[in-house]
Amino acid sequence: MLVATGQRSPPMQGMLPAMQRHSTGWMSALAGISLAMLAVAQSGAEAAVTRSEYCSRLGLQLDGAIRTKAEPGASASQIAQATALQDKANRFCAESKQAQGIRTYANALKLLGVTPVDLNQ
């Protein structure tokens, strides 16, 4: 608004032009959607387990199973076979052949009658 002095009067407090109010609403909506998408992406990333981690976890599970089965009365041949499979799985995982290592660990655990951990649950 122009007054007789040729200067603009200060804008009225709390009043934004219609176009500015409209764009502010869109910006808020986009920011909210972006934050929601970021939260979903982060929760999905946390849930994913790498093959290397899976190798490590199965290796620890097999270590525990071998110690448990090594008690008196356990089949020495099964323990020997599981230990041989463990060595093979360790090599696969160390050589970046995690899929083969995971399968070998799972076979060794099954040989001892143990169900491998399922990391997808």
PDB file of N, CA and C in Angstrom:
ATOM      1  N   MET A   1       0.832  -1.176   0.000  1.00  0.00           N
ATOM      2  CA  MET A   1       0.000   0.000   0.000  1.00  0.00           C
ATOM      3  C   MET A   1       0.882   1.246   0.000  1.00  0.00           C
ATOM      4  N   LEU A   2       0.467   2.182  -0.748  1.00  0.00           N
ATOM      5  CA  LEU A   2       1.183   3.449  -0.778  1.00  0.00           C
ATOM      6  C   LEU A   2       0.387   4.486  -0.015  1.00  0.00           C
ATOM      7  N   VAL A   3       1.081   5.231   0.757  1.00  0.00           N
ATOM      8  CA  VAL A   3       0.451   6.331   1.485  1.00  0.00           C
ATOM      9  C   VAL A   3       0.871   7.646   0.840  1.00  0.00           C
ATOM     10  N   ALA A   4       0.319   8.697   1.287  1.00  0.00           N
ATOM     11  CA  ALA A   4       0.574  10.008   0.688  1.00  0.00           C
ATOM     12  C   ALA A   4       2.042  10.395   0.738  1.00  0.00           C
ATOM     13  N   THR A   5       2.796   9.850   1.676  1.00  0.00           N
ATOM     14  CA  THR A   5       4.204  10.226   1.796  1.00  0.00           C
ATOM     15  C   THR A   5       5.060   9.537   0.747  1.00  0.00           C
ATOM     16  N   GLY A   6       4.504   8.583   0.044  1.00  0.00           N
ATOM     17  CA  GLY A   6       5.278   7.876  -0.965  1.00  0.00           C
ATOM     18  C   GLY A   6       6.002   6.658  -0.420  1.00  0.00           C
ATOM     19  N   GLN A   7       5.813   6.352   0.836  1.00  0.00           N
ATOM     20  CA  GLN A   7       6.443   5.184   1.440  1.00  0.00           C
ATOM     21  C   GLN A   7       5.396   4.106   1.636  1.00  0.00           C
ATOM     22  N   ARG A   8       5.871   2.890   1.671  1.00  0.00           N
ATOM     23  CA  ARG A   8       4.970   1.766   1.915  1.00  0.00           C
ATOM     24  C   ARG A   8       4.712   1.656   3.400  1.00  0.00           C
ATOM     25  N   SER A   9       3.493   1.294   3.729  1.00  0.00           N
ATOM     26  CA  SER A   9       3.191   1.068   5.135  1.00  0.00           C
ATOM     27  C   SER A   9       3.646  -0.333   5.508  1.00  0.00           C
ATOM     28  N   PRO A  10       3.991  -0.585   6.755  1.00  0.00           N
ATOM     29  CA  PRO A  10       4.446  -1.922   7.148  1.00  0.00           C
ATOM     30  C   PRO A  10       3.328  -2.934   6.919  1.00  0.00           C
ATOM     31  N   PRO A  11       3.695  -4.162   6.490  1.00  0.00           N
ATOM     32  CA  PRO A  11       2.659  -5.165   6.246  1.00  0.00           C
ATOM     33  C   PRO A  11       1.950  -5.512   7.541  1.00  0.00           C
ATOM     34  N   MET A  12       0.723  -5.923   7.390  1.00  0.00           N
ATOM     35  CA  MET A  12      -0.052  -6.292   8.573  1.00  0.00           C
ATOM     36  C   MET A  12       0.489  -7.605   9.118  1.00  0.00           C
ATOM     37  N   GLN A  13       0.656  -7.670  10.399  1.00  0.00           N
ATOM     38  CA  GLN A  13       1.194  -8.848  11.062  1.00  0.00           C
ATOM     39  C   GLN A  13       0.266 -10.043  10.856  1.00  0.00           C
ATOM     40  N   GLY A  14       0.846 -11.242  10.579  1.00  0.00           N
ATOM     41  CA  GLY A  14       0.063 -12.472  10.474  1.00  0.00           C
ATOM     42  C   GLY A  14      -0.632 -12.656   9.138  1.00  0.00           C
ATOM     43  N   MET A  15      -0.479 -11.744   8.240  1.00  0.00           N
ATOM     44  CA  MET A  15      -1.139 -11.848   6.944  1.00  0.00           C
ATOM     45  C   MET A  15      -0.081 -12.116   5.879  1.00  0.00           C
ATOM     46  N   LEU A  16      -0.186 -13.235   5.207  1.00  0.00           N
ATOM     47  CA  LEU A  16       0.706 -13.558   4.107  1.00  0.00           C
ATOM     48  C   LEU A  16      -0.091 -13.496   2.820  1.00  0.00           C
ATOM     49  N   PRO A  17       0.536 -13.105   1.748  1.00  0.00           N
ATOM     50  CA  PRO A  17      -0.176 -13.140   0.476  1.00  0.00           C
ATOM     51  C   PRO A  17      -0.629 -14.569   0.180  1.00  0.00           C
ATOM     52  N   ALA A  18      -1.700 -14.715  -0.581  1.00  0.00           N
ATOM     53  CA  ALA A  18      -2.287 -16.026  -0.866  1.00  0.00           C
ATOM     54  C   ALA A  18      -1.278 -16.965  -1.504  1.00  0.00           C
ATOM     55  N   MET A  19      -0.474 -16.488  -2.427  1.00  0.00           N
ATOM     56  CA  MET A  19       0.500 -17.338  -3.111  1.00  0.00           C
ATOM     57  C   MET A  19       1.541 -17.862  -2.122  1.00  0.00           C
ATOM     58  N   GLN A  20       1.997 -17.029  -1.210  1.00  0.00           N
ATOM     59  CA  GLN A  20       2.996 -17.451  -0.238  1.00  0.00           C
ATOM     60  C   GLN A  20       2.409 -18.468   0.733  1.00  0.00           C
ATOM     61  N   ARG A  21       1.165 -18.286   1.155  1.00  0.00           N
ATOM     62  CA  ARG A  21       0.513 -19.263   2.035  1.00  0.00           C
ATOM     63  C   ARG A  21       0.404 -20.606   1.334  1.00  0.00           C
ATOM     64  N   HIS A  22       0.059 -20.577   0.053  1.00  0.00           N
ATOM     65  CA  HIS A  22      -0.117 -21.809  -0.722  1.00  0.00           C
ATOM     66  C   HIS A  22       1.213 -22.566  -0.847  1.00  0.00           C
ATOM     67  N   SER A  23       2.304 -21.870  -1.172  1.00  0.00           N
ATOM     68  CA  SER A  23       3.596 -22.535  -1.342  1.00  0.00           C
ATOM     69  C   SER A  23       4.146 -23.029  -0.007  1.00  0.00           C
ATOM     70  N   THR A  24       3.856 -22.332   1.076  1.00  0.00           N
ATOM     71  CA  THR A  24       4.297 -22.776   2.398  1.00  0.00           C
ATOM     72  C   THR A  24       3.628 -24.093   2.755  1.00  0.00           C
ATOM     73  N   GLY A  25       2.369 -24.242   2.412  1.00  0.00           N
ATOM     74  CA  GLY A  25       1.651 -25.492   2.669  1.00  0.00           C
ATOM     75  C   GLY A  25       2.258 -26.657   1.905  1.00  0.00           C
ATOM     76  N   TRP A  26       2.596 -26.411   0.637  1.00  0.00           N
ATOM     77  CA  TRP A  26       3.201 -27.471  -0.173  1.00  0.00           C
ATOM     78  C   TRP A  26       4.572 -27.858   0.362  1.00  0.00           C
ATOM     79  N   MET A  27       5.339 -26.869   0.774  1.00  0.00           N
ATOM     80  CA  MET A  27       6.673 -27.151   1.312  1.00  0.00           C
ATOM     81  C   MET A  27       6.579 -27.992   2.581  1.00  0.00           C
ATOM     82  N   SER A  28       5.624 -27.685   3.423  1.00  0.00           N
ATOM     83  CA  SER A  28       5.437 -28.466   4.650  1.00  0.00           C
ATOM     84  C   SER A  28       5.042 -29.894   4.327  1.00  0.00           C
ATOM     85  N   ALA A  29       4.159 -30.059   3.349  1.00  0.00           N
ATOM     86  CA  ALA A  29       3.724 -31.400   2.959  1.00  0.00           C
ATOM     87  C   ALA A  29       4.891 -32.201   2.397  1.00  0.00           C
ATOM     88  N   LEU A  30       5.702 -31.582   1.536  1.00  0.00           N
ATOM     89  CA  LEU A  30       6.858 -32.280   0.966  1.00  0.00           C
ATOM     90  C   LEU A  30       7.876 -32.654   2.041  1.00  0.00           C
ATOM     91  N   ALA A  31       8.095 -31.765   2.983  1.00  0.00           N
ATOM     92  CA  ALA A  31       9.030 -32.065   4.074  1.00  0.00           C
ATOM     93  C   ALA A  31       8.520 -33.238   4.904  1.00  0.00           C
ATOM     94  N   GLY A  32       7.225 -33.275   5.175  1.00  0.00           N
ATOM     95  CA  GLY A  32       6.652 -34.384   5.943  1.00  0.00           C
ATOM     96  C   GLY A  32       6.778 -35.704   5.215  1.00  0.00           C
ATOM     97  N   ILE A  33       6.509 -35.699   3.908  1.00  0.00           N
ATOM     98  CA  ILE A  33       6.621 -36.925   3.112  1.00  0.00           C
ATOM     99  C   ILE A  33       8.072 -37.391   3.074  1.00  0.00           C
ATOM    100  N   SER A  34       9.001 -36.450   2.907  1.00  0.00           N
ATOM    101  CA  SER A  34      10.423 -36.809   2.873  1.00  0.00           C
ATOM    102  C   SER A  34      10.868 -37.458   4.175  1.00  0.00           C
ATOM    103  N   LEU A  35      10.436 -36.905   5.289  1.00  0.00           N
ATOM    104  CA  LEU A  35      10.803 -37.483   6.589  1.00  0.00           C
ATOM    105  C   LEU A  35      10.213 -38.873   6.755  1.00  0.00           C
ATOM    106  N   ALA A  36       8.984 -39.064   6.301  1.00  0.00           N
ATOM    107  CA  ALA A  36       8.357 -40.382   6.411  1.00  0.00           C
ATOM    108  C   ALA A  36       9.100 -41.404   5.560  1.00  0.00           C
ATOM    109  N   MET A  37       9.491 -41.016   4.348  1.00  0.00           N
ATOM    110  CA  MET A  37      10.222 -41.937   3.472  1.00  0.00           C
ATOM    111  C   MET A  37      11.589 -42.266   4.051  1.00  0.00           C
ATOM    112  N   LEU A  38      12.237 -41.291   4.646  1.00  0.00           N
ATOM    113  CA  LEU A  38      13.544 -41.510   5.261  1.00  0.00           C
ATOM    114  C   LEU A  38      13.443 -42.497   6.415  1.00  0.00           C
ATOM    115  N   ALA A  39      12.400 -42.371   7.219  1.00  0.00           N
ATOM    116  CA  ALA A  39      12.210 -43.287   8.350  1.00  0.00           C
ATOM    117  C   ALA A  39      11.989 -44.712   7.865  1.00  0.00           C
ATOM    118  N   VAL A  40      11.212 -44.883   6.794  1.00  0.00           N
ATOM    119  CA  VAL A  40      10.962 -46.220   6.246  1.00  0.00           C
ATOM    120  C   VAL A  40      12.244 -46.801   5.678  1.00  0.00           C
ATOM    121  N   ALA A  41      13.020 -45.998   4.964  1.00  0.00           N
ATOM    122  CA  ALA A  41      14.268 -46.480   4.374  1.00  0.00           C
ATOM    123  C   ALA A  41      15.258 -46.901   5.453  1.00  0.00           C
ATOM    124  N   GLN A  42      15.345 -46.147   6.544  1.00  0.00           N
ATOM    125  CA  GLN A  42      16.278 -46.497   7.609  1.00  0.00           C
ATOM    126  C   GLN A  42      15.856 -47.771   8.313  1.00  0.00           C
ATOM    127  N   SER A  43      14.563 -47.971   8.540  1.00  0.00           N
ATOM    128  CA  SER A  43      14.130 -49.184   9.223  1.00  0.00           C
ATOM    129  C   SER A  43      14.394 -50.400   8.348  1.00  0.00           C
ATOM    130  N   GLY A  44      14.263 -50.260   7.026  1.00  0.00           N
ATOM    131  CA  GLY A  44      14.567 -51.362   6.122  1.00  0.00           C
ATOM    132  C   GLY A  44      16.050 -51.671   6.105  1.00  0.00           C
ATOM    133  N   ALA A  45      16.875 -50.643   6.200  1.00  0.00           N
ATOM    134  CA  ALA A  45      18.315 -50.848   6.201  1.00  0.00           C
ATOM    135  C   ALA A  45      18.767 -51.559   7.462  1.00  0.00           C
ATOM    136  N   GLU A  46      18.143 -51.240   8.588  1.00  0.00           N
ATOM    137  CA  GLU A  46      18.522 -51.889   9.835  1.00  0.00           C
ATOM    138  C   GLU A  46      18.142 -53.364   9.821  1.00  0.00           C
ATOM    139  N   ALA A  47      17.077 -53.698   9.119  1.00  0.00           N
ATOM    140  CA  ALA A  47      16.592 -55.063   9.112  1.00  0.00           C
ATOM    141  C   ALA A  47      17.460 -55.961   8.236  1.00  0.00           C
ATOM    142  N   ALA A  48      18.101 -55.400   7.241  1.00  0.00           N
ATOM    143  CA  ALA A  48      18.903 -56.191   6.325  1.00  0.00           C
ATOM    144  C   ALA A  48      20.185 -56.660   7.009  1.00  0.00           C
ATOM    145  N   VAL A  49      20.489 -57.936   6.838  1.00  0.00           N
ATOM    146  CA  VAL A  49      21.706 -58.514   7.396  1.00  0.00           C
ATOM    147  C   VAL A  49      22.582 -58.928   6.225  1.00  0.00           C
ATOM    148  N   THR A  50      23.831 -58.516   6.257  1.00  0.00           N
ATOM    149  CA  THR A  50      24.730 -58.862   5.164  1.00  0.00           C
ATOM    150  C   THR A  50      25.116 -60.333   5.252  1.00  0.00           C
ATOM    151  N   ARG A  51      25.601 -60.844   4.139  1.00  0.00           N
ATOM    152  CA  ARG A  51      26.034 -62.247   4.120  1.00  0.00           C
ATOM    153  C   ARG A  51      27.212 -62.467   5.054  1.00  0.00           C
ATOM    154  N   SER A  52      28.072 -61.468   5.157  1.00  0.00           N
ATOM    155  CA  SER A  52      29.222 -61.592   6.068  1.00  0.00           C
ATOM    156  C   SER A  52      28.757 -61.729   7.514  1.00  0.00           C
ATOM    157  N   GLU A  53      27.745 -60.923   7.887  1.00  0.00           N
ATOM    158  CA  GLU A  53      27.201 -61.032   9.245  1.00  0.00           C
ATOM    159  C   GLU A  53      26.552 -62.393   9.457  1.00  0.00           C
ATOM    160  N   TYR A  54      25.854 -62.864   8.428  1.00  0.00           N
ATOM    161  CA  TYR A  54      25.191 -64.166   8.521  1.00  0.00           C
ATOM    162  C   TYR A  54      26.233 -65.267   8.688  1.00  0.00           C
ATOM    163  N   CYS A  55      27.343 -65.174   7.955  1.00  0.00           N
ATOM    164  CA  CYS A  55      28.442 -66.139   8.121  1.00  0.00           C
ATOM    165  C   CYS A  55      28.928 -66.137   9.572  1.00  0.00           C
ATOM    166  N   SER A  56      29.132 -64.957  10.118  1.00  0.00           N
ATOM    167  CA  SER A  56      29.627 -64.847  11.495  1.00  0.00           C
ATOM    168  C   SER A  56      28.654 -65.457  12.493  1.00  0.00           C
ATOM    169  N   ARG A  57      27.379 -65.150  12.325  1.00  0.00           N
ATOM    170  CA  ARG A  57      26.379 -65.655  13.274  1.00  0.00           C
ATOM    171  C   ARG A  57      26.233 -67.167  13.190  1.00  0.00           C
ATOM    172  N   LEU A  58      26.258 -67.713  11.966  1.00  0.00           N
ATOM    173  CA  LEU A  58      26.170 -69.169  11.832  1.00  0.00           C
ATOM    174  C   LEU A  58      27.428 -69.832  12.382  1.00  0.00           C
ATOM    175  N   GLY A  59      28.583 -69.190  12.193  1.00  0.00           N
ATOM    176  CA  GLY A  59      29.821 -69.724  12.748  1.00  0.00           C
ATOM    177  C   GLY A  59      29.765 -69.805  14.267  1.00  0.00           C
ATOM    178  N   LEU A  60      29.241 -68.758  14.894  1.00  0.00           N
ATOM    179  CA  LEU A  60      29.094 -68.775  16.354  1.00  0.00           C
ATOM    180  C   LEU A  60      28.095 -69.841  16.797  1.00  0.00           C
ATOM    181  N   GLN A  61      27.007 -69.975  16.036  1.00  0.00           N
ATOM    182  CA  GLN A  61      26.011 -70.991  16.384  1.00  0.00           C
ATOM    183  C   GLN A  61      26.619 -72.392  16.272  1.00  0.00           C
ATOM    184  N   LEU A  62      27.417 -72.609  15.227  1.00  0.00           N
ATOM    185  CA  LEU A  62      28.049 -73.920  15.048  1.00  0.00           C
ATOM    186  C   LEU A  62      29.077 -74.182  16.146  1.00  0.00           C
ATOM    187  N   ASP A  63      29.829 -73.171  16.542  1.00  0.00           N
ATOM    188  CA  ASP A  63      30.775 -73.337  17.660  1.00  0.00           C
ATOM    189  C   ASP A  63      30.051 -73.829  18.907  1.00  0.00           C
ATOM    190  N   GLY A  64      28.939 -73.185  19.224  1.00  0.00           N
ATOM    191  CA  GLY A  64      28.155 -73.583  20.398  1.00  0.00           C
ATOM    192  C   GLY A  64      27.600 -74.983  20.264  1.00  0.00           C
ATOM    193  N   ALA A  65      27.136 -75.335  19.065  1.00  0.00           N
ATOM    194  CA  ALA A  65      26.571 -76.670  18.848  1.00  0.00           C
ATOM    195  C   ALA A  65      27.643 -77.747  18.984  1.00  0.00           C
ATOM    196  N   ILE A  66      28.838 -77.477  18.478  1.00  0.00           N
ATOM    197  CA  ILE A  66      29.926 -78.461  18.587  1.00  0.00           C
ATOM    198  C   ILE A  66      30.322 -78.641  20.052  1.00  0.00           C
ATOM    199  N   ARG A  67      30.414 -77.538  20.802  1.00  0.00           N
ATOM    200  CA  ARG A  67      30.741 -77.650  22.232  1.00  0.00           C
ATOM    201  C   ARG A  67      29.679 -78.454  22.972  1.00  0.00           C
ATOM    202  N   THR A  68      28.417 -78.207  22.656  1.00  0.00           N
ATOM    203  CA  THR A  68      27.319 -78.917  23.325  1.00  0.00           C
ATOM    204  C   THR A  68      27.342 -80.396  22.982  1.00  0.00           C
ATOM    205  N   LYS A  69      27.576 -80.711  21.712  1.00  0.00           N
ATOM    206  CA  LYS A  69      27.568 -82.113  21.273  1.00  0.00           C
ATOM    207  C   LYS A  69      28.830 -82.856  21.700  1.00  0.00           C
ATOM    208  N   ALA A  70      29.877 -82.127  22.066  1.00  0.00           N
ATOM    209  CA  ALA A  70      31.135 -82.768  22.453  1.00  0.00           C
ATOM    210  C   ALA A  70      31.059 -83.409  23.831  1.00  0.00           C
ATOM    211  N   GLU A  71      29.920 -83.263  24.484  1.00  0.00           N
ATOM    212  CA  GLU A  71      29.745 -83.891  25.791  1.00  0.00           C
ATOM    213  C   GLU A  71      29.736 -85.413  25.621  1.00  0.00           C
ATOM    214  N   PRO A  72      29.993 -86.160  26.694  1.00  0.00           N
ATOM    215  CA  PRO A  72      30.019 -87.625  26.593  1.00  0.00           C
ATOM    216  C   PRO A  72      28.719 -88.174  26.007  1.00  0.00           C
ATOM    217  N   GLY A  73      28.866 -89.152  25.143  1.00  0.00           N
ATOM    218  CA  GLY A  73      27.705 -89.798  24.541  1.00  0.00           C
ATOM    219  C   GLY A  73      27.385 -89.276  23.155  1.00  0.00           C
ATOM    220  N   ALA A  74      28.004 -88.188  22.736  1.00  0.00           N
ATOM    221  CA  ALA A  74      27.751 -87.651  21.404  1.00  0.00           C
ATOM    222  C   ALA A  74      28.563 -88.432  20.380  1.00  0.00           C
ATOM    223  N   SER A  75      28.083 -88.443  19.161  1.00  0.00           N
ATOM    224  CA  SER A  75      28.751 -89.173  18.093  1.00  0.00           C
ATOM    225  C   SER A  75      30.020 -88.432  17.669  1.00  0.00           C
ATOM    226  N   ALA A  76      31.154 -89.097  17.868  1.00  0.00           N
ATOM    227  CA  ALA A  76      32.438 -88.485  17.525  1.00  0.00           C
ATOM    228  C   ALA A  76      32.560 -88.266  16.022  1.00  0.00           C
ATOM    229  N   SER A  77      31.979 -89.170  15.233  1.00  0.00           N
ATOM    230  CA  SER A  77      32.085 -89.021  13.776  1.00  0.00           C
ATOM    231  C   SER A  77      31.283 -87.808  13.291  1.00  0.00           C
ATOM    232  N   GLN A  78      30.116 -87.566  13.908  1.00  0.00           N
ATOM    233  CA  GLN A  78      29.325 -86.393  13.524  1.00  0.00           C
ATOM    234  C   GLN A  78      30.057 -85.103  13.880  1.00  0.00           C
ATOM    235  N   ILE A  79      30.679 -85.099  15.043  1.00  0.00           N
ATOM    236  CA  ILE A  79      31.431 -83.912  15.465  1.00  0.00           C
ATOM    237  C   ILE A  79      32.610 -83.676  14.526  1.00  0.00           C
ATOM    238  N   ALA A  80      33.287 -84.754  14.129  1.00  0.00           N
ATOM    239  CA  ALA A  80      34.422 -84.634  13.210  1.00  0.00           C
ATOM    240  C   ALA A  80      33.961 -84.104  11.850  1.00  0.00           C
ATOM    241  N   GLN A  81      32.827 -84.620  11.352  1.00  0.00           N
ATOM    242  CA  GLN A  81      32.295 -84.147  10.068  1.00  0.00           C
ATOM    243  C   GLN A  81      31.875 -82.679  10.160  1.00  0.00           C
ATOM    244  N   ALA A  82      31.218 -82.316  11.256  1.00  0.00           N
ATOM    245  CA  ALA A  82      30.776 -80.931  11.436  1.00  0.00           C
ATOM    246  C   ALA A  82      31.975 -79.989  11.526  1.00  0.00           C
ATOM    247  N   THR A  83      33.042 -80.438  12.190  1.00  0.00           N
ATOM    248  CA  THR A  83      34.248 -79.618  12.306  1.00  0.00           C
ATOM    249  C   THR A  83      34.909 -79.432  10.943  1.00  0.00           C
ATOM    250  N   ALA A  84      34.922 -80.496  10.135  1.00  0.00           N
ATOM    251  CA  ALA A  84      35.482 -80.389   8.782  1.00  0.00           C
ATOM    252  C   ALA A  84      34.652 -79.413   7.936  1.00  0.00           C
ATOM    253  N   LEU A  85      33.325 -79.508   8.058  1.00  0.00           N
ATOM    254  CA  LEU A  85      32.456 -78.575   7.330  1.00  0.00           C
ATOM    255  C   LEU A  85      32.653 -77.142   7.823  1.00  0.00           C
ATOM    256  N   GLN A  86      32.900 -77.000   9.121  1.00  0.00           N
ATOM    257  CA  GLN A  86      33.136 -75.672   9.689  1.00  0.00           C
ATOM    258  C   GLN A  86      34.400 -75.050   9.086  1.00  0.00           C
ATOM    259  N   ASP A  87      35.458 -75.842   8.973  1.00  0.00           N
ATOM    260  CA  ASP A  87      36.697 -75.341   8.376  1.00  0.00           C
ATOM    261  C   ASP A  87      36.462 -74.896   6.931  1.00  0.00           C
ATOM    262  N   LYS A  88      35.687 -75.706   6.213  1.00  0.00           N
ATOM    263  CA  LYS A  88      35.372 -75.391   4.821  1.00  0.00           C
ATOM    264  C   LYS A  88      34.545 -74.099   4.740  1.00  0.00           C
ATOM    265  N   ALA A  89      33.548 -73.970   5.612  1.00  0.00           N
ATOM    266  CA  ALA A  89      32.699 -72.771   5.630  1.00  0.00           C
ATOM    267  C   ALA A  89      33.515 -71.532   5.989  1.00  0.00           C
ATOM    268  N   ASN A  90      34.433 -71.676   6.933  1.00  0.00           N
ATOM    269  CA  ASN A  90      35.310 -70.556   7.305  1.00  0.00           C
ATOM    270  C   ASN A  90      36.108 -70.065   6.098  1.00  0.00           C
ATOM    271  N   ARG A  91      36.634 -71.008   5.315  1.00  0.00           N
ATOM    272  CA  ARG A  91      37.394 -70.646   4.118  1.00  0.00           C
ATOM    273  C   ARG A  91      36.507 -69.922   3.105  1.00  0.00           C
ATOM    274  N   PHE A  92      35.302 -70.465   2.868  1.00  0.00           N
ATOM    275  CA  PHE A  92      34.389 -69.831   1.911  1.00  0.00           C
ATOM    276  C   PHE A  92      34.078 -68.395   2.331  1.00  0.00           C
ATOM    277  N   CYS A  93      33.746 -68.208   3.587  1.00  0.00           N
ATOM    278  CA  CYS A  93      33.393 -66.864   4.062  1.00  0.00           C
ATOM    279  C   CYS A  93      34.587 -65.914   3.983  1.00  0.00           C
ATOM    280  N   ALA A  94      35.784 -66.414   4.254  1.00  0.00           N
ATOM    281  CA  ALA A  94      36.989 -65.587   4.188  1.00  0.00           C
ATOM    282  C   ALA A  94      37.349 -65.224   2.748  1.00  0.00           C
ATOM    283  N   GLU A  95      36.971 -66.087   1.795  1.00  0.00           N
ATOM    284  CA  GLU A  95      37.284 -65.854   0.381  1.00  0.00           C
ATOM    285  C   GLU A  95      36.168 -65.109  -0.343  1.00  0.00           C
ATOM    286  N   SER A  96      35.294 -64.454   0.394  1.00  0.00           N
ATOM    287  CA  SER A  96      34.160 -63.705  -0.172  1.00  0.00           C
ATOM    288  C   SER A  96      33.202 -64.594  -0.956  1.00  0.00           C
ATOM    289  N   LYS A  97      33.087 -65.831  -0.528  1.00  0.00           N
ATOM    290  CA  LYS A  97      32.102 -66.760  -1.104  1.00  0.00           C
ATOM    291  C   LYS A  97      31.088 -67.078  -0.006  1.00  0.00           C
ATOM    292  N   GLN A  98      30.455 -65.994   0.493  1.00  0.00           N
ATOM    293  CA  GLN A  98      29.583 -66.117   1.659  1.00  0.00           C
ATOM    294  C   GLN A  98      28.401 -67.050   1.423  1.00  0.00           C
ATOM    295  N   ALA A  99      27.825 -67.049   0.225  1.00  0.00           N
ATOM    296  CA  ALA A  99      26.665 -67.912  -0.030  1.00  0.00           C
ATOM    297  C   ALA A  99      27.047 -69.381   0.169  1.00  0.00           C
ATOM    298  N   GLN A 100      28.215 -69.772  -0.338  1.00  0.00           N
ATOM    299  CA  GLN A 100      28.673 -71.151  -0.150  1.00  0.00           C
ATOM    300  C   GLN A 100      28.989 -71.424   1.318  1.00  0.00           C
ATOM    301  N   GLY A 101      29.583 -70.447   1.983  1.00  0.00           N
ATOM    302  CA  GLY A 101      29.891 -70.598   3.401  1.00  0.00           C
ATOM    303  C   GLY A 101      28.636 -70.763   4.240  1.00  0.00           C
ATOM    304  N   ILE A 102      27.612 -69.982   3.932  1.00  0.00           N
ATOM    305  CA  ILE A 102      26.343 -70.065   4.663  1.00  0.00           C
ATOM    306  C   ILE A 102      25.720 -71.440   4.483  1.00  0.00           C
ATOM    307  N   ARG A 103      25.718 -71.930   3.243  1.00  0.00           N
ATOM    308  CA  ARG A 103      25.156 -73.279   2.989  1.00  0.00           C
ATOM    309  C   ARG A 103      25.944 -74.350   3.735  1.00  0.00           C
ATOM    310  N   THR A 104      27.266 -74.209   3.757  1.00  0.00           N
ATOM    311  CA  THR A 104      28.105 -75.203   4.432  1.00  0.00           C
ATOM    312  C   THR A 104      27.882 -75.168   5.940  1.00  0.00           C
ATOM    313  N   TYR A 105      27.786 -73.973   6.517  1.00  0.00           N
ATOM    314  CA  TYR A 105      27.465 -73.863   7.946  1.00  0.00           C
ATOM    315  C   TYR A 105      26.114 -74.511   8.242  1.00  0.00           C
ATOM    316  N   ALA A 106      25.131 -74.231   7.396  1.00  0.00           N
ATOM    317  CA  ALA A 106      23.790 -74.792   7.608  1.00  0.00           C
ATOM    318  C   ALA A 106      23.825 -76.314   7.551  1.00  0.00           C
ATOM    319  N   ASN A 107      24.583 -76.869   6.617  1.00  0.00           N
ATOM    320  CA  ASN A 107      24.698 -78.332   6.521  1.00  0.00           C
ATOM    321  C   ASN A 107      25.361 -78.917   7.764  1.00  0.00           C
ATOM    322  N   ALA A 108      26.380 -78.249   8.276  1.00  0.00           N
ATOM    323  CA  ALA A 108      27.059 -78.729   9.486  1.00  0.00           C
ATOM    324  C   ALA A 108      26.113 -78.695  10.683  1.00  0.00           C
ATOM    325  N   LEU A 109      25.333 -77.628  10.798  1.00  0.00           N
ATOM    326  CA  LEU A 109      24.373 -77.529  11.903  1.00  0.00           C
ATOM    327  C   LEU A 109      23.309 -78.614  11.802  1.00  0.00           C
ATOM    328  N   LYS A 110      22.810 -78.845  10.594  1.00  0.00           N
ATOM    329  CA  LYS A 110      21.784 -79.879  10.401  1.00  0.00           C
ATOM    330  C   LYS A 110      22.341 -81.262  10.728  1.00  0.00           C
ATOM    331  N   LEU A 111      23.609 -81.474  10.402  1.00  0.00           N
ATOM    332  CA  LEU A 111      24.257 -82.752  10.716  1.00  0.00           C
ATOM    333  C   LEU A 111      24.239 -83.005  12.222  1.00  0.00           C
ATOM    334  N   LEU A 112      24.353 -81.938  13.000  1.00  0.00           N
ATOM    335  CA  LEU A 112      24.331 -82.061  14.458  1.00  0.00           C
ATOM    336  C   LEU A 112      22.913 -82.000  15.025  1.00  0.00           C
ATOM    337  N   GLY A 113      21.931 -81.864  14.143  1.00  0.00           N
ATOM    338  CA  GLY A 113      20.538 -81.817  14.597  1.00  0.00           C
ATOM    339  C   GLY A 113      20.108 -80.451  15.106  1.00  0.00           C
ATOM    340  N   VAL A 114      20.785 -79.406  14.660  1.00  0.00           N
ATOM    341  CA  VAL A 114      20.485 -78.038  15.095  1.00  0.00           C
ATOM    342  C   VAL A 114      19.908 -77.268  13.908  1.00  0.00           C
ATOM    343  N   THR A 115      18.851 -76.510  14.161  1.00  0.00           N
ATOM    344  CA  THR A 115      18.252 -75.683  13.115  1.00  0.00           C
ATOM    345  C   THR A 115      19.033 -74.375  13.015  1.00  0.00           C
ATOM    346  N   PRO A 116      19.531 -74.045  11.814  1.00  0.00           N
ATOM    347  CA  PRO A 116      20.275 -72.785  11.656  1.00  0.00           C
ATOM    348  C   PRO A 116      19.389 -71.578  11.951  1.00  0.00           C
ATOM    349  N   VAL A 117      19.993 -70.517  12.505  1.00  0.00           N
ATOM    350  CA  VAL A 117      19.230 -69.298  12.791  1.00  0.00           C
ATOM    351  C   VAL A 117      18.715 -68.721  11.484  1.00  0.00           C
ATOM    352  N   ASP A 118      17.466 -68.230  11.519  1.00  0.00           N
ATOM    353  CA  ASP A 118      16.870 -67.595  10.351  1.00  0.00           C
ATOM    354  C   ASP A 118      16.853 -66.104  10.618  1.00  0.00           C
ATOM    355  N   LEU A 119      17.658 -65.365   9.887  1.00  0.00           N
ATOM    356  CA  LEU A 119      17.783 -63.934  10.135  1.00  0.00           C
ATOM    357  C   LEU A 119      16.697 -63.127   9.446  1.00  0.00           C
ATOM    358  N   ASN A 120      15.830 -63.761   8.689  1.00  0.00           N
ATOM    359  CA  ASN A 120      14.754 -63.044   8.002  1.00  0.00           C
ATOM    360  C   ASN A 120      13.540 -62.856   8.882  1.00  0.00           C
ATOM    361  N   GLN A 121      13.566 -63.361  10.080  1.00  0.00           N
ATOM    362  CA  GLN A 121      12.403 -63.236  10.958  1.00  0.00           C
ATOM    363  C   GLN A 121      12.586 -62.098  11.915  1.00  0.00           C
TER     364      GLN A 121
END
